[in-house]
N, C-alpha and C. Protein backbone atom coordinates (compact mmCIF):
# COMPACT_ATOMS: atom_id res chain seq x y z
N MET A 1 -16.75 -2.75 -13.16
CA MET A 1 -16.00 -4.03 -13.56
C MET A 1 -13.86 -4.01 -12.33
N TYR A 2 -13.49 -2.50 -12.82
CA TYR A 2 -12.30 -2.44 -11.77
C TYR A 2 -12.92 -0.97 -11.90
N LYS A 3 -11.93 -0.86 -10.17
CA LYS A 3 -12.25 0.60 -9.91
C LYS A 3 -10.34 0.56 -8.94
N ILE A 4 -10.47 1.86 -10.44
CA ILE A 4 -9.01 2.39 -10.11
C ILE A 4 -8.86 3.51 -9.11
N SER A 5 -7.83 2.34 -8.09
CA SER A 5 -7.06 4.02 -7.09
C SER A 5 -6.53 5.05 -7.46
N LYS A 6 -6.07 6.20 -6.94
CA LYS A 6 -5.56 7.15 -6.68
C LYS A 6 -4.24 6.51 -6.57
N ILE A 7 -3.48 7.11 -7.34
CA ILE A 7 -2.14 6.81 -8.01
C ILE A 7 -1.05 8.25 -7.80
N LEU A 8 0.27 7.75 -6.48
CA LEU A 8 0.61 8.52 -6.83
C LEU A 8 1.83 8.78 -7.35
N PHE A 9 3.05 9.62 -7.24
CA PHE A 9 4.04 9.41 -8.46
C PHE A 9 4.95 9.63 -7.61
N ILE A 10 5.91 8.75 -7.23
CA ILE A 10 7.20 8.90 -6.14
C ILE A 10 8.17 8.29 -6.48
N HIS A 11 9.56 8.38 -6.84
CA HIS A 11 10.22 7.81 -7.41
C HIS A 11 11.39 7.29 -6.89
N SER A 12 11.58 6.32 -6.35
CA SER A 12 12.38 5.75 -5.67
C SER A 12 13.21 4.61 -6.75
N LYS A 13 14.60 5.05 -6.32
CA LYS A 13 15.98 4.79 -7.43
C LYS A 13 15.97 2.81 -6.65
N SER A 14 16.16 2.73 -5.50
CA SER A 14 16.56 1.48 -5.00
C SER A 14 15.41 0.65 -5.56
N TRP A 15 14.40 0.98 -5.43
CA TRP A 15 13.42 -0.26 -6.29
C TRP A 15 13.61 -0.46 -7.25
N HIS A 16 14.37 0.48 -8.15
CA HIS A 16 14.60 0.17 -9.60
C HIS A 16 15.61 -0.78 -9.78
N LEU A 17 16.93 -1.27 -8.95
CA LEU A 17 17.89 -1.58 -9.07
C LEU A 17 17.44 -3.00 -8.42
N PHE A 18 16.60 -3.02 -7.50
CA PHE A 18 15.51 -4.63 -7.33
C PHE A 18 15.25 -4.73 -8.33
N CYS A 19 13.99 -4.52 -9.14
CA CYS A 19 13.27 -4.60 -10.10
C CYS A 19 14.29 -5.79 -11.30
N ASN A 20 15.43 -5.13 -11.53
CA ASN A 20 16.25 -5.26 -12.89
C ASN A 20 17.40 -5.89 -11.83
N SER A 21 17.21 -6.89 -11.09
CA SER A 21 18.03 -7.81 -10.92
C SER A 21 18.07 -9.38 -11.04
N THR A 22 18.90 -10.22 -11.12
CA THR A 22 18.24 -11.57 -11.23
C THR A 22 17.62 -12.71 -10.24
N LYS A 23 17.69 -12.05 -9.32
CA LYS A 23 16.92 -12.54 -8.63
C LYS A 23 15.51 -13.29 -8.77
N VAL A 24 15.53 -14.46 -8.34
CA VAL A 24 14.06 -15.54 -8.62
C VAL A 24 12.87 -15.06 -7.86
N CYS A 25 11.96 -14.75 -8.31
CA CYS A 25 10.50 -14.36 -6.86
C CYS A 25 10.41 -16.35 -6.32
N PRO A 26 10.17 -16.31 -5.01
CA PRO A 26 10.26 -17.86 -4.76
C PRO A 26 8.62 -17.48 -4.47
N PRO A 27 7.92 -19.53 -4.83
CA PRO A 27 6.69 -19.44 -4.55
C PRO A 27 6.33 -18.66 -3.88
N CYS A 28 5.10 -18.32 -3.81
CA CYS A 28 4.18 -17.48 -3.13
C CYS A 28 2.99 -18.10 -1.60
N GLU A 29 3.48 -19.42 -1.25
CA GLU A 29 2.81 -19.98 -1.07
C GLU A 29 2.82 -19.55 1.10
N GLY A 30 2.75 -18.44 1.30
CA GLY A 30 2.88 -18.66 3.29
C GLY A 30 4.23 -18.45 3.88
N ASN A 31 5.29 -18.02 2.62
CA ASN A 31 6.51 -18.63 3.10
C ASN A 31 7.34 -17.38 3.63
N GLY A 32 7.02 -16.82 4.60
CA GLY A 32 6.75 -15.18 4.57
C GLY A 32 6.89 -14.36 3.79
N VAL A 33 6.21 -14.72 3.60
CA VAL A 33 5.73 -13.31 2.10
C VAL A 33 4.72 -12.48 2.72
N ILE A 34 5.00 -10.85 2.75
CA ILE A 34 3.77 -10.63 3.53
C ILE A 34 3.72 -9.41 2.48
N ALA A 35 2.21 -8.54 2.70
CA ALA A 35 1.04 -7.75 1.87
C ALA A 35 1.87 -6.56 2.13
N LEU A 36 1.59 -5.52 1.45
CA LEU A 36 2.38 -3.82 0.99
C LEU A 36 1.45 -3.63 1.91
N LYS A 37 2.64 -2.25 1.99
CA LYS A 37 1.47 -1.32 2.91
C LYS A 37 1.06 -0.18 1.60
N ALA A 38 -0.58 -0.13 1.98
CA ALA A 38 -0.63 1.49 1.14
C ALA A 38 0.27 2.19 0.49
N GLU A 39 0.79 2.77 1.09
CA GLU A 39 1.95 3.76 0.83
C GLU A 39 2.82 3.28 0.26
N ASP A 40 3.08 2.03 0.24
CA ASP A 40 4.49 1.46 -0.76
C ASP A 40 3.74 0.94 -2.01
N LYS A 41 2.44 0.49 -1.97
CA LYS A 41 1.60 0.13 -3.07
C LYS A 41 2.23 1.40 -4.37
N LEU A 42 1.79 2.67 -3.71
CA LEU A 42 1.95 3.90 -4.87
C LEU A 42 3.04 3.89 -4.93
N LYS A 43 3.65 3.77 -4.41
CA LYS A 43 4.77 4.60 -3.93
C LYS A 43 6.11 3.81 -5.38
N LEU A 44 5.62 2.11 -5.02
CA LEU A 44 5.99 1.53 -6.01
C LEU A 44 5.15 1.34 -7.05
N LEU A 45 4.45 1.81 -7.57
CA LEU A 45 3.73 2.27 -8.78
C LEU A 45 4.75 2.83 -9.51
N SER A 46 4.94 3.95 -9.66
CA SER A 46 5.62 4.49 -10.15
C SER A 46 7.02 4.68 -10.75
N GLU A 47 7.85 3.36 -10.41
CA GLU A 47 8.76 2.59 -10.90
C GLU A 47 8.40 2.11 -12.50
N LEU A 48 7.18 1.37 -12.20
CA LEU A 48 6.13 1.37 -13.47
C LEU A 48 6.36 1.37 -14.37
N HIS A 49 5.97 1.09 -15.67
CA HIS A 49 5.39 2.16 -16.51
C HIS A 49 4.06 2.43 -16.26
N GLU A 50 4.01 3.97 -17.43
CA GLU A 50 2.64 4.64 -17.06
C GLU A 50 1.67 3.76 -17.17
N ASP A 51 1.46 2.77 -17.61
CA ASP A 51 0.38 1.87 -17.90
C ASP A 51 -0.58 1.51 -17.11
N TRP A 52 0.38 0.67 -16.13
CA TRP A 52 0.06 0.10 -14.66
C TRP A 52 -0.81 0.53 -14.25
N LYS A 53 -1.84 0.23 -13.64
CA LYS A 53 -2.74 0.57 -12.67
C LYS A 53 -3.04 -0.05 -11.09
N LEU A 54 -2.88 0.57 -10.15
CA LEU A 54 -3.47 -0.08 -9.10
C LEU A 54 -5.10 -0.01 -9.28
N ILE A 55 -5.19 -1.54 -8.80
CA ILE A 55 -7.08 -1.49 -9.54
C ILE A 55 -7.27 -2.34 -7.75
N GLU A 56 -8.45 -1.36 -7.08
CA GLU A 56 -9.50 -2.83 -6.70
C GLU A 56 -10.32 -3.91 -7.47
N GLU A 57 -10.52 -5.63 -7.05
CA GLU A 57 -10.90 -6.00 -7.98
C GLU A 57 -11.69 -6.88 -6.92
N ASP A 58 -12.94 -7.18 -6.06
CA ASP A 58 -13.22 -7.76 -5.39
C ASP A 58 -12.27 -7.52 -3.92
N LYS A 59 -12.28 -6.82 -3.59
CA LYS A 59 -11.58 -6.16 -2.43
C LYS A 59 -10.16 -6.49 -2.22
N ILE A 60 -9.75 -6.82 -3.93
CA ILE A 60 -8.32 -6.92 -3.85
C ILE A 60 -7.54 -6.36 -4.62
N ASN A 61 -6.45 -6.21 -4.08
CA ASN A 61 -6.09 -4.74 -4.38
C ASN A 61 -4.59 -5.47 -5.65
N LYS A 62 -4.91 -4.87 -7.16
CA LYS A 62 -4.31 -5.53 -7.98
C LYS A 62 -2.95 -4.91 -9.27
N LEU A 63 -2.12 -4.84 -9.51
CA LEU A 63 -2.02 -4.71 -10.27
C LEU A 63 -2.49 -4.56 -11.37
N TYR A 64 -2.62 -3.91 -12.90
CA TYR A 64 -3.74 -4.53 -14.32
C TYR A 64 -2.57 -3.48 -15.06
N ARG A 65 -2.82 -4.06 -16.74
CA ARG A 65 -2.09 -3.15 -17.71
C ARG A 65 -2.94 -3.79 -18.71
N LYS A 66 -2.93 -3.38 -19.81
CA LYS A 66 -3.65 -3.56 -20.93
C LYS A 66 -2.92 -3.15 -22.76
N TRP A 67 -2.75 -3.66 -23.10
CA TRP A 67 -2.63 -3.28 -24.70
C TRP A 67 -2.88 -3.80 -25.37
N ARG A 68 -3.28 -2.95 -26.57
CA ARG A 68 -4.16 -3.28 -27.43
C ARG A 68 -3.41 -4.13 -28.76
N SER A 69 -3.36 -5.31 -29.08
CA SER A 69 -2.56 -6.34 -29.55
C SER A 69 -3.70 -7.24 -29.92
N PRO A 70 -3.22 -7.60 -32.16
CA PRO A 70 -4.18 -8.35 -31.79
C PRO A 70 -3.99 -9.79 -32.05
N PHE A 71 -5.06 -10.92 -31.77
CA PHE A 71 -4.95 -11.57 -31.42
C PHE A 71 -3.37 -12.45 -31.73
N PRO A 72 -3.66 -13.39 -32.63
CA PRO A 72 -2.26 -13.28 -33.05
C PRO A 72 -1.12 -13.20 -32.13
N LYS A 73 -0.50 -11.77 -31.97
CA LYS A 73 0.16 -11.46 -31.41
C LYS A 73 -0.28 -11.81 -29.73
N SER A 74 -0.69 -11.04 -29.88
CA SER A 74 -0.97 -11.54 -27.99
C SER A 74 -0.77 -13.04 -27.80
N VAL A 75 -1.12 -13.75 -28.31
CA VAL A 75 -1.46 -15.00 -28.26
C VAL A 75 0.60 -15.04 -27.80
N GLU A 76 1.06 -14.56 -28.67
CA GLU A 76 2.56 -14.74 -28.71
C GLU A 76 3.65 -14.14 -27.53
N TYR A 77 2.58 -13.21 -26.60
CA TYR A 77 2.93 -12.37 -25.65
C TYR A 77 2.49 -13.37 -24.26
N VAL A 78 1.24 -13.86 -24.90
CA VAL A 78 1.12 -15.18 -23.72
C VAL A 78 2.16 -16.07 -23.38
N ASN A 79 2.62 -16.55 -24.51
CA ASN A 79 2.96 -17.54 -24.18
C ASN A 79 5.21 -17.03 -24.09
N ILE A 80 4.76 -16.18 -24.40
CA ILE A 80 6.46 -15.96 -23.72
C ILE A 80 6.74 -15.17 -22.23
N LEU A 81 5.71 -14.49 -21.46
CA LEU A 81 4.59 -13.92 -21.01
C LEU A 81 4.72 -16.16 -19.60
N ASN A 82 4.37 -16.82 -20.25
CA ASN A 82 4.45 -17.80 -20.04
C ASN A 82 5.61 -18.85 -19.16
N THR A 83 6.68 -18.08 -20.39
CA THR A 83 7.75 -18.47 -19.96
C THR A 83 8.32 -17.47 -18.89
N LEU A 84 8.31 -17.30 -18.81
CA LEU A 84 9.10 -15.88 -17.74
C LEU A 84 7.67 -16.44 -16.29
N ALA A 85 7.09 -16.37 -16.77
CA ALA A 85 6.46 -16.79 -15.00
C ALA A 85 7.05 -17.52 -14.45
N GLU A 86 6.97 -18.70 -15.13
CA GLU A 86 7.22 -20.20 -14.81
C GLU A 86 8.70 -20.58 -13.97
N GLU A 87 9.31 -19.73 -14.62
CA GLU A 87 10.35 -19.18 -14.34
C GLU A 87 10.92 -18.52 -13.12
N GLU A 88 10.32 -17.40 -12.85
CA GLU A 88 9.89 -16.71 -11.54
C GLU A 88 9.03 -17.50 -11.25
N GLY A 89 8.28 -18.13 -11.24
CA GLY A 89 7.52 -18.75 -10.50
C GLY A 89 6.08 -18.35 -9.64
N HIS A 90 6.37 -16.53 -10.28
CA HIS A 90 5.08 -16.60 -9.91
C HIS A 90 3.76 -16.27 -11.49
N HIS A 91 2.71 -16.56 -10.98
CA HIS A 91 1.93 -16.19 -11.91
C HIS A 91 0.94 -14.97 -12.39
N PRO A 92 0.62 -14.69 -13.41
CA PRO A 92 -0.54 -13.46 -13.33
C PRO A 92 -1.98 -14.49 -13.99
N ASP A 93 -2.21 -13.72 -13.76
CA ASP A 93 -3.88 -13.42 -14.51
C ASP A 93 -4.03 -12.92 -15.88
N ILE A 94 -4.26 -13.96 -17.13
CA ILE A 94 -3.38 -12.98 -18.46
C ILE A 94 -5.29 -13.58 -19.51
N SER A 95 -5.43 -12.31 -20.34
CA SER A 95 -6.77 -12.65 -21.27
C SER A 95 -5.89 -11.61 -22.39
N ILE A 96 -7.53 -12.19 -22.80
CA ILE A 96 -7.06 -11.45 -24.57
C ILE A 96 -8.30 -11.76 -24.23
N SER A 97 -8.64 -9.88 -25.05
CA SER A 97 -10.64 -10.36 -25.60
C SER A 97 -11.05 -9.53 -26.26
N ASN A 98 -11.67 -9.48 -26.83
CA ASN A 98 -12.49 -8.57 -28.54
C ASN A 98 -11.14 -8.13 -28.89
N TYR A 99 -10.54 -9.55 -29.63
CA TYR A 99 -9.24 -9.17 -30.42
C TYR A 99 -8.48 -9.15 -30.66
N TRP A 100 -8.39 -7.89 -29.78
CA TRP A 100 -7.66 -6.43 -29.94
C TRP A 100 -6.64 -6.37 -28.36
N ASN A 101 -7.48 -6.80 -26.75
CA ASN A 101 -7.07 -6.29 -25.96
C ASN A 101 -6.42 -7.90 -24.91
N PHE A 102 -5.18 -7.12 -25.15
CA PHE A 102 -4.36 -8.00 -24.05
C PHE A 102 -3.68 -7.68 -22.73
N GLU A 103 -4.89 -8.02 -21.65
CA GLU A 103 -4.48 -7.73 -20.60
C GLU A 103 -3.78 -8.94 -19.88
N VAL A 104 -3.20 -8.45 -18.64
CA VAL A 104 -2.29 -8.45 -17.02
C VAL A 104 -3.36 -8.12 -16.21
N THR A 105 -3.06 -9.50 -15.72
CA THR A 105 -3.41 -8.81 -14.01
C THR A 105 -2.78 -9.90 -12.81
N LEU A 106 -1.29 -8.66 -11.76
CA LEU A 106 -0.98 -9.42 -11.06
C LEU A 106 -1.55 -9.06 -9.94
N TYR A 107 -0.99 -9.88 -8.49
CA TYR A 107 -1.08 -10.23 -6.95
C TYR A 107 -1.00 -11.39 -6.71
N THR A 108 -0.53 -11.70 -5.78
CA THR A 108 0.12 -12.91 -4.71
C THR A 108 -1.36 -13.31 -4.10
N HIS A 109 -1.87 -14.20 -5.46
CA HIS A 109 -3.06 -15.07 -4.77
C HIS A 109 -3.56 -16.25 -3.94
N SER A 110 -2.02 -16.45 -3.03
CA SER A 110 -2.22 -17.25 -2.38
C SER A 110 -2.16 -15.66 -0.22
N LEU A 111 -2.16 -14.68 -1.15
CA LEU A 111 -2.33 -13.61 0.48
C LEU A 111 -3.64 -12.77 -0.11
N ASN A 112 -4.94 -12.93 -1.23
CA ASN A 112 -4.60 -11.74 -2.25
C ASN A 112 -4.76 -10.74 -1.83
N ASP A 113 -3.70 -10.63 -2.05
CA ASP A 113 -3.09 -8.54 -1.38
C ASP A 113 -1.55 -9.45 -2.74
N LEU A 114 -1.16 -7.19 -2.70
CA LEU A 114 0.18 -7.21 -3.77
C LEU A 114 1.37 -7.43 -2.46
N THR A 115 2.47 -7.99 -3.46
CA THR A 115 3.23 -8.13 -2.25
C THR A 115 4.34 -8.08 -3.34
N GLU A 116 5.78 -7.70 -2.53
CA GLU A 116 6.96 -7.08 -3.61
C GLU A 116 7.27 -6.98 -5.24
N TYR A 117 6.62 -8.79 -5.22
CA TYR A 117 6.49 -9.69 -6.20
C TYR A 117 6.33 -9.40 -7.56
N ASP A 118 4.90 -8.68 -7.00
CA ASP A 118 4.10 -8.59 -7.62
C ASP A 118 4.05 -7.46 -9.05
N TYR A 119 5.34 -6.40 -7.60
CA TYR A 119 5.90 -5.12 -8.60
C TYR A 119 7.30 -5.93 -9.45
N LYS A 120 7.57 -6.98 -9.07
CA LYS A 120 9.08 -7.21 -9.61
C LYS A 120 9.14 -7.69 -10.83
N MET A 121 7.32 -9.35 -10.82
CA MET A 121 6.99 -9.21 -12.04
C MET A 121 6.62 -8.11 -13.06
N ALA A 122 5.57 -7.22 -12.50
CA ALA A 122 5.41 -5.96 -13.72
C ALA A 122 7.32 -5.67 -14.16
N SER A 123 7.97 -5.20 -13.68
CA SER A 123 9.08 -4.99 -14.33
C SER A 123 9.43 -5.90 -15.12
N LYS A 124 9.52 -7.18 -14.97
CA LYS A 124 9.88 -7.58 -15.51
C LYS A 124 9.58 -7.95 -17.22
N ILE A 125 7.79 -7.79 -16.60
CA ILE A 125 7.72 -7.78 -17.98
C ILE A 125 7.38 -6.52 -18.91
N ASP A 126 7.32 -4.99 -18.23
CA ASP A 126 7.96 -4.12 -18.75
C ASP A 126 8.78 -3.98 -19.78
N ASN A 127 10.54 -5.13 -18.78
CA ASN A 127 11.37 -5.34 -20.11
C ASN A 127 11.31 -6.37 -21.03
N LEU A 128 9.96 -6.95 -21.50
CA LEU A 128 9.50 -8.21 -22.47
C LEU A 128 9.62 -6.62 -23.04
N LYS A 129 9.02 -5.79 -23.13
CA LYS A 129 8.68 -5.13 -24.20
C LYS A 129 7.53 -4.86 -25.32
N PHE A 130 6.02 -5.77 -24.78
CA PHE A 130 5.68 -5.63 -25.42
C PHE A 130 4.23 -4.28 -26.03
N GLU A 131 4.53 -4.32 -27.89
CA GLU A 131 3.84 -3.14 -27.45
C GLU A 131 2.23 -2.96 -28.54
N ASN A 132 2.07 -1.87 -27.87
CA ASN A 132 0.49 -1.80 -28.77
C ASN A 132 0.81 -1.40 -29.60
N THR A 133 -0.40 -1.75 -30.26
CA THR A 133 -0.37 -1.96 -32.27
C THR A 133 -2.17 -1.52 -32.39
N LEU A 134 -2.34 -0.70 -33.06
CA LEU A 134 -3.55 0.01 -33.49
C LEU A 134 -4.07 -0.40 -34.47
N PRO A 135 -6.13 -0.92 -33.60
CA PRO A 135 -6.86 -1.04 -34.97
C PRO A 135 -6.34 -0.49 -36.81
N ARG A 136 -6.45 -1.59 -37.22
CA ARG A 136 -6.51 -0.81 -38.72
C ARG A 136 -7.85 -0.35 -38.90
N VAL A 137 -8.06 0.93 -40.11
CA VAL A 137 -9.51 1.68 -40.35
C VAL A 137 -9.89 1.08 -41.48
N SER A 138 -11.00 0.34 -41.23
CA SER A 138 -11.54 -0.11 -42.74
C SER A 138 -11.85 1.05 -43.64
N LYS A 139 -11.30 1.13 -44.96
CA LYS A 139 -11.33 1.87 -45.39
C LYS A 139 -12.79 1.51 -46.20
N LYS A 140 -13.95 2.31 -46.45
CA LYS A 140 -14.86 1.98 -47.43
C LYS A 140 -15.66 2.68 -48.46
């Protein structure tokens, strides 16, 4: 389903300052937004939470992260993320599967590639502090 690319860990403090800014992402409908180079994608990945992965799906590079969270909590996360996405004008793909899996995929749909706004959005999602929850083990 997903092919995970090689991850290179390089830190860039200047990117971290950009991600924490309050600047809103513009709608990505061809107005000067450009795709990132491969080395920049890997460099910026290192500034995100370690659970973010750079994946390739249908020949499109995307950022992907999964949380283990029960369905009701995942629905709460979707609603929180909806508010952020509307404020930012940048919308991730979101899914809840198998009751315990909450997944977010980011890429700039108009370019079918990653841009700085995908990484900025991922950083803002990190700041929401969504938590992983372990499923209860049934006692038999």
